[in-house]
Amino acid sequence: MEEPSDLYDVHGINSINGSPPWADHQHQCLEELDNVECLRRKIKYYFMNPCEKYHARGRKPWKLILQIIKIAIITVQLVSFGLSNQMVVTFKEENLMTFKHLFLKDYADGGMDTYAVYRQADVYDHIDYIIDQYGRLHNITVGNHEYEKNGTLYNPLSVCQEFYRNGTVYAGSETFEIDAHVKTDCFDVYPMYHPSLPRFELHFKRMISVKITFVLKAINLQTVRRRELPDCYDFTVIITFNNQVHSGRIKVDLETDVDINECRDWKITGASARNIYLTVLFDCLIIITCITSCALCTRSVINGIQLQFEYTLYCKNHGGNQVPCSDKLEFLNGWYILTIVSDTLTIIGSFLKIVIQTKVLTSYDVCSILLGTGTMFVWIGIIRYMGYFKKYNILILTMMAAFPNVIRFICCAGIIYMSYCFCGWIVLGPYHEKFRTLNMVSECLFSLINGDDMYLTFKNMKQKSSLVWIFSRVYLYSFISLFIYMILSLFITIITDTYDTIKQQQSGNPTSELQKFMSGCKDLPNSGVYRLDENECCFLDCCISRCRKHQEAKG
């Protein structure tokens, strides 16, 4: 009878002087619930939109405000650079057209594809005409073109002939002998000092090409109207007589390589030149804005990765479940990555634009690609904020969900497309202009998929070979039927099915494990439980509510 009473006394003493045995376990469970609840709220807060975050913690949406400012100033920068670049392109194109009219005999606009010579005397006449026009440039041009100088002397015009080293061709007896080594003979001409033309001989049977090269200078004065400092241009003009085919038709082409430099000495009166430092200062402001935006987005990406590690560790410790890759990727916000890429391109492009404005470099094409791509990504980033509205969000979710299936579908369709490209090039190339090269075949077939030039593609097929003509009909009809009626329809079906799936998911229950985990948090953004204490790393109200429960349990 004593043993039970002793046991009872022992438990009674423990109950009076200390906590019961199950109290420590209950306290540990409550602490674990605190951590889980805090993790739920941290994850839910991470996926809130800027307005919800403002109601949750009272923090201003600095990234949103910065993106709006960045879009405005980057667009202004792009338009300003585009207008300046447009004048450069116009000046280049019009000078190219001027050179064709000055140096190509009997040239007519739009006739470059058919501009050629067919007689030996015509070749000599055209070369003599070019040399004569170059010598009389000051008297015939209406522009500000000048010769390039080396000290006090004008640079000459260079004539180079490429031909096979040795060779004899007798088409009548169907015999030939050719040395495949190519020899180049060049000589300089000073028509501005010696008006008489030099005597030279062309080896027409062995000739591959004749190239006439010279450099002309010009100044782009039209930029004065926009209060910009004019640039000085060096045009390297290359006129080529192409005889590689040896068909009796020598094609003539004129090309220019342009080098833009800062003029050595200049003076502008009658107009106030735009202060270049203001433009440079504006570009520096854009660089600072993009650096700030990039830093904020990088911080958000790092926070998302840290939160992913916390969630992965929680799933591993509670149940030992592996987090799916799709849930892990939810923490890696693609919009932040897009913004970081856009900011990086804009920073490099703005720096290059400053270098161009100060006349250190003239890489207009590289700068245009960087600024254009950066601005495009900035405008695409607006879709992120439109996605916070339910009606717009379904479009974004559909594009994101359908993207993997679309890529796989395009890979399979691309194999069929390339098979038609190779087949069309080798079979129809000799009989149709649109199938002469692989690039032209690809462009033609892509146009047919979109319903362009169908009639002309069928009509322009030459009927020299009945077999090839019949094959072309089978080829074109099968391609159009396969891609328009089957492949495009399947492509649309993939998008439609994804849209229906996303629409059902929005109105249904959470599908992923991450969404199910977040759905356990029912606290609204304006409930006040998301606000942080200044000295604590977890949510203040989360800890307060759990401490109250601890006190109630102890009491």
Protein backbone atom coordinates (compact mmCIF):
# COMPACT_ATOMS: atom_id res chain seq x y z
CA MET A 1 0.00 0.00 0.00
CA GLU A 2 2.96 2.27 0.47
CA GLU A 3 4.33 2.00 -3.03
CA PRO A 4 1.38 3.54 -4.82
CA SER A 5 1.24 6.38 -2.34
CA ASP A 6 4.95 7.01 -2.80
CA LEU A 7 4.57 7.11 -6.55
CA TYR A 8 1.67 9.46 -6.21
CA ASP A 9 3.68 11.73 -3.91
CA VAL A 10 6.56 11.81 -6.32
CA HIS A 11 4.33 12.84 -9.23
CA GLY A 12 2.61 15.32 -6.97
CA ILE A 13 5.90 16.89 -5.98
CA ASN A 14 6.94 17.11 -9.65
CA SER A 15 3.62 18.69 -10.49
CA ILE A 16 3.96 21.27 -7.75
CA ASN A 17 7.67 22.10 -7.86
CA GLY A 18 8.23 21.74 -11.64
CA SER A 19 6.52 21.07 -14.94
CA PRO A 20 4.93 17.71 -15.74
CA PRO A 21 6.85 15.31 -18.03
CA TRP A 22 4.74 16.09 -21.10
CA ALA A 23 5.16 19.88 -20.72
CA ASP A 24 8.63 20.00 -22.32
CA HIS A 25 7.40 18.06 -25.33
CA GLN A 26 4.42 20.38 -25.68
CA HIS A 27 6.68 23.43 -25.45
CA GLN A 28 8.93 21.99 -28.18
CA CYS A 29 5.93 21.33 -30.42
CA LEU A 30 4.75 24.93 -29.99
CA GLU A 31 8.19 26.23 -30.94
CA GLU A 32 8.14 24.10 -34.07
CA LEU A 33 4.71 25.47 -34.91
CA ASP A 34 6.15 28.98 -34.49
CA ASN A 35 8.88 28.25 -37.01
CA VAL A 36 6.49 26.69 -39.52
CA GLU A 37 4.04 29.57 -39.23
CA CYS A 38 6.83 32.10 -39.66
CA LEU A 39 8.13 30.24 -42.71
CA ARG A 40 4.64 30.19 -44.23
CA ARG A 41 4.29 33.92 -43.76
CA LYS A 42 7.77 34.65 -45.10
CA ILE A 43 7.04 32.64 -48.25
CA LYS A 44 3.61 34.19 -48.66
CA TYR A 45 5.09 37.65 -48.23
CA TYR A 46 7.76 36.89 -50.84
CA PHE A 47 5.11 36.09 -53.46
CA MET A 48 2.95 39.15 -52.71
CA ASN A 49 2.61 41.95 -55.23
CA PRO A 50 3.95 45.45 -54.40
CA CYS A 51 0.57 46.73 -53.19
CA GLU A 52 0.09 43.77 -50.86
CA LYS A 53 3.62 44.17 -49.52
CA TYR A 54 2.88 47.82 -48.81
CA HIS A 55 -0.22 46.88 -46.79
CA ALA A 56 1.67 44.06 -45.06
CA ARG A 57 4.71 46.01 -43.84
CA GLY A 58 4.17 49.60 -44.94
CA ARG A 59 7.22 49.52 -47.21
CA LYS A 60 7.19 51.67 -50.31
CA PRO A 61 7.34 49.76 -53.64
CA TRP A 62 10.73 51.17 -54.57
CA LYS A 63 11.40 48.62 -57.29
CA LEU A 64 8.08 49.42 -58.98
CA ILE A 65 8.69 53.17 -58.79
CA LEU A 66 12.24 52.72 -60.07
CA GLN A 67 11.06 50.58 -62.99
CA ILE A 68 8.53 53.23 -64.05
CA ILE A 69 11.20 55.95 -63.93
CA LYS A 70 13.66 53.70 -65.76
CA ILE A 71 11.21 52.96 -68.57
CA ALA A 72 10.64 56.68 -69.15
CA ILE A 73 14.28 57.78 -69.21
CA ILE A 74 15.51 54.75 -71.19
CA THR A 75 12.83 55.35 -73.83
CA VAL A 76 13.88 59.00 -74.11
CA GLN A 77 17.50 57.90 -74.45
CA LEU A 78 16.63 55.36 -77.14
CA VAL A 79 14.58 57.85 -79.18
CA SER A 80 17.35 60.44 -79.00
CA PHE A 81 19.99 57.92 -80.08
CA GLY A 82 17.69 56.57 -82.79
CA LEU A 83 17.19 60.01 -84.35
CA SER A 84 20.93 60.61 -84.32
CA ASN A 85 21.64 57.16 -85.74
CA GLN A 86 19.00 57.71 -88.43
CA MET A 87 20.93 60.70 -89.76
CA VAL A 88 24.10 58.60 -89.89
CA VAL A 89 22.36 55.83 -91.84
CA THR A 90 20.77 58.32 -94.24
CA PHE A 91 24.13 59.98 -94.89
CA LYS A 92 25.77 56.60 -95.61
CA GLU A 93 23.03 55.40 -97.95
CA GLU A 94 22.82 58.62 -99.93
CA ASN A 95 26.60 58.77 -100.34
CA LEU A 96 26.56 55.18 -101.62
CA MET A 97 23.95 56.16 -104.20
CA THR A 98 26.01 59.24 -105.12
CA PHE A 99 29.12 57.18 -105.74
CA LYS A 100 27.21 54.81 -108.00
CA HIS A 101 26.00 57.69 -110.16
CA LEU A 102 29.43 59.35 -110.20
CA PHE A 103 31.65 56.37 -110.99
CA LEU A 104 29.47 53.78 -112.75
CA LYS A 105 28.90 54.54 -116.40
CA ASP A 106 25.24 54.81 -117.49
CA TYR A 107 24.02 53.70 -114.06
CA ALA A 108 20.26 53.86 -113.35
CA ASP A 109 18.58 53.63 -109.95
CA GLY A 110 17.55 50.13 -108.98
CA GLY A 111 19.59 48.51 -111.77
CA MET A 112 22.45 47.11 -109.67
CA ASP A 113 21.25 43.52 -110.03
CA THR A 114 21.47 43.69 -113.84
CA TYR A 115 24.43 46.08 -114.13
CA ALA A 116 27.12 44.20 -116.05
CA VAL A 117 29.44 44.38 -119.09
CA TYR A 118 29.75 41.84 -121.87
CA ARG A 119 32.52 43.05 -124.18
CA GLN A 120 36.22 43.57 -123.62
CA ALA A 121 36.03 47.12 -124.91
CA ASP A 122 33.23 47.88 -122.40
CA VAL A 123 35.41 46.71 -119.53
CA TYR A 124 38.22 49.06 -120.55
CA ASP A 125 35.73 51.89 -121.09
CA HIS A 126 34.18 51.46 -117.65
CA ILE A 127 37.57 51.38 -115.92
CA ASP A 128 38.73 54.46 -117.83
CA TYR A 129 35.48 56.19 -116.92
CA ILE A 130 36.00 55.50 -113.20
CA ILE A 131 39.57 56.80 -113.27
CA ASP A 132 38.55 59.90 -115.23
CA GLN A 133 35.64 60.67 -112.88
CA TYR A 134 37.91 60.26 -109.86
CA GLY A 135 40.40 62.75 -111.33
CA ARG A 136 37.68 65.32 -112.01
CA LEU A 137 35.88 64.87 -108.67
CA HIS A 138 36.16 68.53 -107.60
CA ASN A 139 34.48 69.66 -110.82
CA ILE A 140 31.60 67.20 -110.94
CA THR A 141 30.42 66.49 -107.39
CA VAL A 142 27.75 68.63 -105.71
CA GLY A 143 28.77 67.39 -102.26
CA ASN A 144 31.69 68.22 -100.00
CA HIS A 145 33.72 65.17 -101.08
CA GLU A 146 37.50 65.40 -100.99
CA TYR A 147 40.48 63.15 -101.68
CA GLU A 148 42.36 61.54 -98.82
CA LYS A 149 45.73 63.16 -98.21
CA ASN A 150 49.06 61.77 -97.09
CA GLY A 151 50.85 64.89 -95.94
CA THR A 152 50.44 67.40 -98.75
CA LEU A 153 49.84 64.85 -101.54
CA TYR A 154 46.57 63.22 -102.48
CA ASN A 155 46.37 59.45 -102.14
CA PRO A 156 46.14 57.52 -105.42
CA LEU A 157 43.49 55.25 -106.83
CA SER A 158 44.41 51.56 -106.76
CA VAL A 159 43.59 49.04 -109.53
CA CYS A 160 44.09 45.34 -108.75
CA GLN A 161 43.55 42.40 -111.12
CA GLU A 162 43.17 38.84 -109.83
CA PHE A 163 43.75 36.04 -112.34
CA TYR A 164 44.99 32.48 -112.58
CA ARG A 165 48.76 32.33 -112.82
CA ASN A 166 48.83 30.29 -116.03
CA GLY A 167 46.12 28.88 -118.20
CA THR A 168 44.92 28.14 -121.69
CA VAL A 169 41.30 27.48 -122.55
CA TYR A 170 40.07 26.09 -125.92
CA ALA A 171 36.32 25.61 -125.68
CA GLY A 172 36.09 24.56 -129.32
CA SER A 173 38.29 21.52 -128.84
CA GLU A 174 37.04 21.05 -125.26
CA THR A 175 40.54 21.30 -123.79
CA PHE A 176 42.01 23.53 -121.10
CA GLU A 177 45.00 23.89 -118.83
CA ILE A 178 44.71 25.97 -115.65
CA ASP A 179 47.07 26.71 -112.78
CA ALA A 180 44.77 27.09 -109.75
CA HIS A 181 47.14 29.51 -108.01
CA VAL A 182 45.76 33.05 -108.05
CA LYS A 183 48.02 35.99 -108.84
CA THR A 184 47.26 39.63 -108.02
CA ASP A 185 48.71 42.58 -109.91
CA CYS A 186 48.13 46.10 -108.59
CA PHE A 187 49.15 49.57 -109.70
CA ASP A 188 48.38 53.08 -108.46
CA VAL A 189 46.91 55.89 -110.54
CA TYR A 190 47.14 59.65 -109.84
CA PRO A 191 44.49 61.08 -112.19
CA MET A 192 44.38 64.39 -110.29
CA TYR A 193 48.07 64.96 -111.17
CA HIS A 194 48.34 63.03 -114.46
CA PRO A 195 45.13 63.26 -116.51
CA SER A 196 46.37 60.78 -119.10
CA LEU A 197 45.21 57.25 -118.34
CA PRO A 198 47.80 54.48 -117.93
CA ARG A 199 48.08 51.55 -120.31
CA PHE A 200 47.25 48.19 -118.76
CA GLU A 201 46.23 44.74 -120.00
CA LEU A 202 43.48 42.50 -118.69
CA HIS A 203 43.78 38.71 -119.02
CA PHE A 204 40.14 37.96 -119.78
CA LYS A 205 40.59 34.21 -120.22
CA ARG A 206 42.18 33.87 -116.79
CA MET A 207 40.74 36.94 -115.03
CA ILE A 208 38.79 36.38 -111.83
CA SER A 209 38.09 39.97 -110.83
CA VAL A 210 39.24 43.58 -111.09
CA LYS A 211 38.97 45.80 -108.01
CA ILE A 212 39.31 49.57 -108.03
CA THR A 213 39.77 51.08 -104.59
CA PHE A 214 39.99 54.68 -103.40
CA VAL A 215 39.15 56.75 -100.32
CA LEU A 216 36.98 59.88 -100.23
CA LYS A 217 36.25 62.16 -97.28
CA ALA A 218 33.02 63.95 -96.41
CA ILE A 219 31.39 65.82 -93.50
CA ASN A 220 27.85 65.15 -92.30
CA LEU A 221 26.56 68.70 -91.91
CA GLN A 222 22.90 67.78 -91.37
CA THR A 223 23.53 67.15 -87.67
CA VAL A 224 23.95 70.91 -87.16
CA ARG A 225 20.16 71.26 -87.36
CA ARG A 226 19.84 69.11 -84.24
CA ARG A 227 22.58 71.11 -82.53
CA GLU A 228 24.98 68.18 -82.70
CA LEU A 229 28.63 68.33 -83.70
CA PRO A 230 29.09 67.04 -87.28
CA ASP A 231 31.25 63.97 -87.87
CA CYS A 232 33.92 63.47 -90.51
CA TYR A 233 33.56 60.37 -92.70
CA ASP A 234 36.11 58.30 -94.60
CA PHE A 235 34.47 56.35 -97.43
CA THR A 236 36.57 53.49 -98.80
CA VAL A 237 34.97 52.90 -102.20
CA ILE A 238 35.47 49.43 -103.76
CA ILE A 239 34.29 48.83 -107.34
CA THR A 240 34.47 45.16 -108.35
CA PHE A 241 34.30 43.64 -111.85
CA ASN A 242 33.36 40.05 -110.98
CA ASN A 243 34.30 37.39 -113.56
CA GLN A 244 34.39 34.33 -111.28
CA VAL A 245 31.72 32.49 -113.30
CA HIS A 246 33.52 33.07 -116.65
CA SER A 247 30.16 33.05 -118.42
CA GLY A 248 30.79 36.08 -120.62
CA ARG A 249 28.94 38.35 -118.20
CA ILE A 250 31.09 40.44 -115.84
CA LYS A 251 28.97 41.82 -113.01
CA VAL A 252 29.91 45.24 -111.65
CA ASP A 253 29.30 46.15 -108.02
CA LEU A 254 30.14 49.16 -105.83
CA GLU A 255 30.50 48.93 -102.06
CA THR A 256 31.70 51.32 -99.35
CA ASP A 257 33.35 50.84 -95.98
CA VAL A 258 32.71 53.78 -93.68
CA ASP A 259 34.94 55.08 -90.89
CA ILE A 260 33.55 57.89 -88.71
CA ASN A 261 35.99 60.22 -86.98
CA GLU A 262 35.93 63.42 -84.98
CA CYS A 263 36.73 66.46 -87.12
CA ARG A 264 40.09 67.99 -86.29
CA ASP A 265 39.03 71.62 -86.32
CA TRP A 266 35.56 73.12 -86.35
CA LYS A 267 33.65 76.32 -85.70
CA ILE A 268 29.88 76.77 -85.59
CA THR A 269 28.24 80.22 -85.66
CA GLY A 270 24.61 81.28 -85.85
CA ALA A 271 23.36 78.43 -83.63
CA SER A 272 23.96 77.39 -80.06
CA ALA A 273 25.54 73.97 -80.05
CA ARG A 274 24.04 71.51 -77.64
CA ASN A 275 26.22 71.01 -74.62
CA ILE A 276 27.48 67.47 -74.95
CA TYR A 277 28.04 67.27 -71.20
CA LEU A 278 24.28 67.49 -70.59
CA THR A 279 23.72 64.44 -72.77
CA VAL A 280 26.57 62.61 -71.06
CA LEU A 281 25.12 63.57 -67.67
CA PHE A 282 21.74 62.16 -68.72
CA ASP A 283 23.39 58.91 -69.79
CA CYS A 284 25.21 58.76 -66.44
CA LEU A 285 21.85 59.18 -64.68
CA ILE A 286 20.53 56.19 -66.63
CA ILE A 287 23.59 54.14 -65.69
CA ILE A 288 23.11 54.97 -61.99
CA THR A 289 19.39 54.13 -62.20
CA CYS A 290 20.10 50.79 -63.87
CA ILE A 291 22.80 49.94 -61.33
CA THR A 292 20.33 50.64 -58.50
CA SER A 293 17.63 48.58 -60.18
CA CYS A 294 20.07 45.74 -60.81
CA ALA A 295 21.18 45.80 -57.16
CA LEU A 296 17.60 45.67 -55.85
CA CYS A 297 16.66 42.82 -58.18
CA THR A 298 19.83 40.92 -57.30
CA ARG A 299 18.99 41.28 -53.61
CA SER A 300 15.50 39.92 -54.28
CA VAL A 301 16.93 36.97 -56.19
CA ILE A 302 19.31 36.20 -53.29
CA ASN A 303 16.44 36.44 -50.81
CA GLY A 304 14.43 34.02 -52.94
CA ILE A 305 17.31 31.54 -53.04
CA GLN A 306 17.75 31.76 -49.26
CA LEU A 307 14.02 31.23 -48.79
CA GLN A 308 14.19 28.23 -51.08
CA PHE A 309 16.93 26.70 -48.92
CA GLU A 310 14.79 27.23 -45.80
CA TYR A 311 11.78 25.60 -47.43
CA THR A 312 13.88 22.70 -48.74
CA LEU A 313 15.38 22.15 -45.28
CA TYR A 314 11.91 22.19 -43.71
CA CYS A 315 10.59 19.59 -46.17
CA LYS A 316 13.66 17.43 -45.55
CA ASN A 317 13.31 17.58 -41.75
CA HIS A 318 9.54 17.07 -41.76
CA GLY A 319 8.75 13.93 -43.68
CA GLY A 320 11.98 13.66 -45.66
CA ASN A 321 10.28 14.67 -48.91
CA GLN A 322 12.31 16.07 -51.79
CA VAL A 323 11.12 19.42 -53.12
CA PRO A 324 10.20 19.18 -56.85
CA CYS A 325 12.24 21.27 -59.28
CA SER A 326 9.10 23.16 -60.29
CA ASP A 327 8.63 24.34 -56.70
CA LYS A 328 12.30 25.31 -56.43
CA LEU A 329 12.04 27.35 -59.61
CA GLU A 330 9.09 29.25 -58.12
CA PHE A 331 11.55 31.00 -55.80
CA LEU A 332 13.75 32.03 -58.73
CA ASN A 333 11.78 34.92 -60.16
CA GLY A 334 12.34 35.06 -63.91
CA TRP A 335 11.22 38.69 -64.07
CA TYR A 336 14.07 39.70 -61.79
CA ILE A 337 16.52 37.82 -64.05
CA LEU A 338 15.06 39.62 -67.08
CA THR A 339 15.44 42.97 -65.33
CA ILE A 340 19.06 42.21 -64.39
CA VAL A 341 19.86 41.29 -68.00
CA SER A 342 18.09 44.42 -69.24
CA ASP A 343 19.96 46.64 -66.80
CA THR A 344 23.29 45.06 -67.77
CA LEU A 345 22.66 45.64 -71.48
CA THR A 346 21.52 49.20 -70.88
CA ILE A 347 24.54 50.00 -68.70
CA ILE A 348 26.97 48.72 -71.36
CA GLY A 349 25.01 50.41 -74.15
CA SER A 350 24.87 53.74 -72.29
CA PHE A 351 28.58 53.62 -71.61
CA LEU A 352 29.23 52.89 -75.29
CA LYS A 353 26.90 55.75 -76.25
CA ILE A 354 28.96 58.13 -74.12
CA VAL A 355 32.10 56.90 -75.85
CA ILE A 356 30.46 57.49 -79.26
CA GLN A 357 29.31 60.98 -78.32
CA THR A 358 32.82 61.89 -77.24
CA LYS A 359 34.07 60.58 -80.65
CA VAL A 360 36.34 57.95 -79.12
CA LEU A 361 34.58 55.07 -80.93
CA THR A 362 31.97 54.82 -83.68
CA SER A 363 30.39 51.43 -82.94
CA TYR A 364 26.85 52.50 -83.78
CA ASP A 365 25.69 48.97 -84.61
CA VAL A 366 26.87 47.44 -81.32
CA CYS A 367 25.39 50.32 -79.33
CA SER A 368 22.08 50.03 -81.19
CA ILE A 369 21.85 46.31 -80.45
CA LEU A 370 22.59 46.81 -76.74
CA LEU A 371 20.23 49.75 -76.22
CA GLY A 372 17.50 48.26 -78.40
CA THR A 373 17.56 44.87 -76.66
CA GLY A 374 17.76 46.49 -73.22
CA THR A 375 14.76 48.72 -73.95
CA MET A 376 12.81 45.77 -75.34
CA PHE A 377 13.39 43.78 -72.14
CA VAL A 378 12.41 46.78 -70.02
CA TRP A 379 9.07 47.08 -71.79
CA ILE A 380 8.50 43.33 -71.62
CA GLY A 381 9.09 43.59 -67.86
CA ILE A 382 5.92 45.67 -67.59
CA ILE A 383 3.95 42.47 -68.15
CA ARG A 384 5.07 41.33 -64.70
CA TYR A 385 3.07 44.06 -63.00
CA MET A 386 0.08 43.52 -65.28
CA GLY A 387 0.17 39.88 -64.21
CA TYR A 388 -0.92 40.85 -60.71
CA PHE A 389 -4.38 41.41 -62.17
CA LYS A 390 -6.27 38.13 -62.58
CA LYS A 391 -7.51 38.77 -66.11
CA TYR A 392 -4.02 39.58 -67.38
CA ASN A 393 -2.25 36.97 -65.30
CA ILE A 394 -3.83 34.06 -67.16
CA LEU A 395 -2.06 35.13 -70.36
CA ILE A 396 1.34 35.17 -68.65
CA LEU A 397 0.76 31.85 -66.90
CA THR A 398 -0.32 30.29 -70.19
CA MET A 399 2.84 31.47 -71.95
CA MET A 400 5.05 30.20 -69.13
CA ALA A 401 3.31 26.84 -68.82
CA ALA A 402 3.16 26.20 -72.58
CA PHE A 403 6.78 27.20 -73.23
CA PRO A 404 8.38 23.74 -72.59
CA ASN A 405 5.81 21.96 -74.78
CA VAL A 406 6.17 24.60 -77.48
CA ILE A 407 9.96 24.18 -77.55
CA ARG A 408 9.65 20.39 -77.86
CA PHE A 409 7.07 20.77 -80.60
CA ILE A 410 9.23 23.27 -82.52
CA CYS A 411 12.21 20.91 -82.35
CA CYS A 412 10.19 18.13 -83.98
CA ALA A 413 8.61 20.45 -86.56
CA GLY A 414 12.02 21.99 -87.26
CA ILE A 415 13.39 18.62 -88.37
CA ILE A 416 10.61 18.30 -90.96
CA TYR A 417 11.14 21.93 -91.97
CA MET A 418 14.89 21.45 -92.54
CA SER A 419 14.25 18.30 -94.60
CA TYR A 420 12.06 20.35 -96.95
CA CYS A 421 14.72 23.09 -97.07
CA PHE A 422 17.47 20.72 -98.19
CA CYS A 423 15.23 18.96 -100.68
CA GLY A 424 13.94 22.20 -102.20
CA TRP A 425 17.42 23.69 -102.46
CA ILE A 426 18.98 20.76 -104.32
CA VAL A 427 16.02 19.99 -106.61
CA LEU A 428 14.31 23.32 -107.28
CA GLY A 429 17.33 25.61 -106.92
CA PRO A 430 18.37 25.47 -110.60
CA TYR A 431 14.81 26.24 -111.73
CA HIS A 432 13.50 28.79 -109.21
CA GLU A 433 15.06 32.05 -107.95
CA LYS A 434 13.64 31.63 -104.46
CA PHE A 435 15.42 28.30 -103.99
CA ARG A 436 18.94 29.31 -105.08
CA THR A 437 20.47 29.26 -101.56
CA LEU A 438 19.53 27.57 -98.29
CA ASN A 439 18.80 30.95 -96.72
CA MET A 440 16.45 31.88 -99.57
CA VAL A 441 14.73 28.48 -99.36
CA SER A 442 14.14 28.90 -95.62
CA GLU A 443 12.72 32.40 -96.12
CA CYS A 444 10.48 31.22 -98.95
CA LEU A 445 9.07 28.26 -97.00
CA PHE A 446 8.49 30.42 -93.91
CA SER A 447 6.56 32.88 -96.09
CA LEU A 448 4.46 30.02 -97.45
CA ILE A 449 3.58 28.92 -93.90
CA ASN A 450 2.23 32.42 -93.26
CA GLY A 451 0.34 32.48 -96.55
CA ASP A 452 2.62 34.94 -98.39
CA ASP A 453 3.67 34.74 -102.06
CA MET A 454 1.94 31.43 -102.68
CA TYR A 455 0.82 32.27 -106.21
CA LEU A 456 4.17 33.76 -107.24
CA THR A 457 6.05 30.76 -105.86
CA PHE A 458 4.00 28.43 -108.02
CA LYS A 459 4.05 30.74 -111.06
CA ASN A 460 7.80 31.48 -111.16
CA MET A 461 8.74 27.82 -111.42
CA LYS A 462 10.46 27.28 -114.77
CA GLN A 463 9.03 24.52 -116.97
CA LYS A 464 12.27 23.48 -118.69
CA SER A 465 12.08 20.04 -117.08
CA SER A 466 8.67 18.36 -116.89
CA LEU A 467 9.88 15.96 -114.22
CA VAL A 468 11.12 18.76 -111.95
CA TRP A 469 7.95 20.80 -112.62
CA ILE A 470 5.75 17.89 -111.48
CA PHE A 471 8.01 17.33 -108.47
CA SER A 472 7.71 21.02 -107.54
CA ARG A 473 3.91 20.74 -107.43
CA VAL A 474 4.03 17.69 -105.19
CA TYR A 475 6.70 19.36 -103.04
CA LEU A 476 4.83 22.67 -102.58
CA TYR A 477 1.35 21.17 -102.10
CA SER A 478 2.61 18.64 -99.54
CA PHE A 479 4.57 21.29 -97.61
CA ILE A 480 1.68 23.76 -97.47
CA SER A 481 -0.84 21.09 -96.49
CA LEU A 482 1.42 19.57 -93.84
CA PHE A 483 2.45 22.78 -92.13
CA ILE A 484 -0.66 24.93 -92.44
CA TYR A 485 -3.38 22.33 -91.90
CA MET A 486 -1.62 19.97 -89.50
CA ILE A 487 1.45 21.40 -87.75
CA LEU A 488 0.05 24.89 -87.15
CA SER A 489 -3.25 23.40 -85.95
CA LEU A 490 -1.39 21.19 -83.47
CA PHE A 491 0.63 24.20 -82.33
CA ILE A 492 -2.56 26.15 -81.62
CA THR A 493 -3.99 23.13 -79.81
CA ILE A 494 -1.03 23.07 -77.42
CA ILE A 495 -1.62 26.71 -76.48
CA THR A 496 -5.37 26.19 -76.15
CA ASP A 497 -5.05 23.13 -73.90
CA THR A 498 -2.57 24.95 -71.67
CA TYR A 499 -4.93 27.93 -71.44
CA ASP A 500 -7.83 25.70 -70.37
CA THR A 501 -5.65 23.94 -67.80
CA ILE A 502 -4.46 27.21 -66.28
CA LYS A 503 -8.01 28.56 -66.20
CA GLN A 504 -9.22 25.51 -64.27
CA GLN A 505 -6.30 25.69 -61.85
CA GLN A 506 -7.08 29.31 -61.01
CA SER A 507 -10.61 28.44 -59.97
CA GLY A 508 -9.65 25.20 -58.19
CA ASN A 509 -7.53 24.09 -55.25
CA PRO A 510 -3.75 24.53 -55.02
CA THR A 511 -1.93 21.99 -57.15
CA SER A 512 1.74 22.14 -56.15
CA GLU A 513 3.14 21.25 -52.73
CA LEU A 514 4.43 24.79 -52.32
CA GLN A 515 0.97 26.26 -52.93
CA LYS A 516 -0.55 23.80 -50.49
CA PHE A 517 2.04 24.80 -47.89
CA MET A 518 1.31 28.52 -48.36
CA SER A 519 -2.44 27.96 -48.26
CA GLY A 520 -2.07 27.11 -44.57
CA CYS A 521 -1.46 30.80 -43.88
CA LYS A 522 -4.83 32.57 -43.83
CA ASP A 523 -3.52 35.97 -42.67
CA LEU A 524 -4.40 38.89 -44.95
CA PRO A 525 -1.77 41.46 -45.96
CA ASN A 526 -3.44 44.22 -43.93
CA SER A 527 -3.80 42.07 -40.80
CA GLY A 528 -0.60 43.51 -39.32
CA VAL A 529 1.01 40.15 -38.55
CA TYR A 530 3.62 40.57 -41.30
CA ARG A 531 5.31 43.61 -39.74
CA LEU A 532 8.83 42.99 -38.46
CA ASP A 533 10.27 44.00 -35.11
CA GLU A 534 13.37 46.16 -35.36
CA ASN A 535 15.49 43.67 -33.39
CA GLU A 536 13.90 40.34 -34.31
CA CYS A 537 14.35 38.30 -37.44
CA CYS A 538 10.90 36.71 -37.36
CA PHE A 539 7.48 38.27 -37.46
CA LEU A 540 6.56 40.15 -34.27
CA ASP A 541 2.94 39.17 -34.12
CA CYS A 542 3.77 35.57 -34.85
CA CYS A 543 5.96 35.41 -31.75
CA ILE A 544 3.49 37.38 -29.60
CA SER A 545 0.59 35.09 -30.45
CA ARG A 546 2.62 31.96 -29.74
CA CYS A 547 3.95 33.36 -26.43
CA ARG A 548 0.39 33.97 -25.30
CA LYS A 549 -0.44 30.35 -26.06
CA HIS A 550 2.63 29.25 -24.03
CA GLN A 551 1.45 31.24 -21.05
CA GLU A 552 -2.03 29.80 -21.32
CA ALA A 553 -0.60 26.26 -21.48
CA LYS A 554 1.57 26.83 -18.39
CA GLY A 555 -1.30 28.38 -16.50
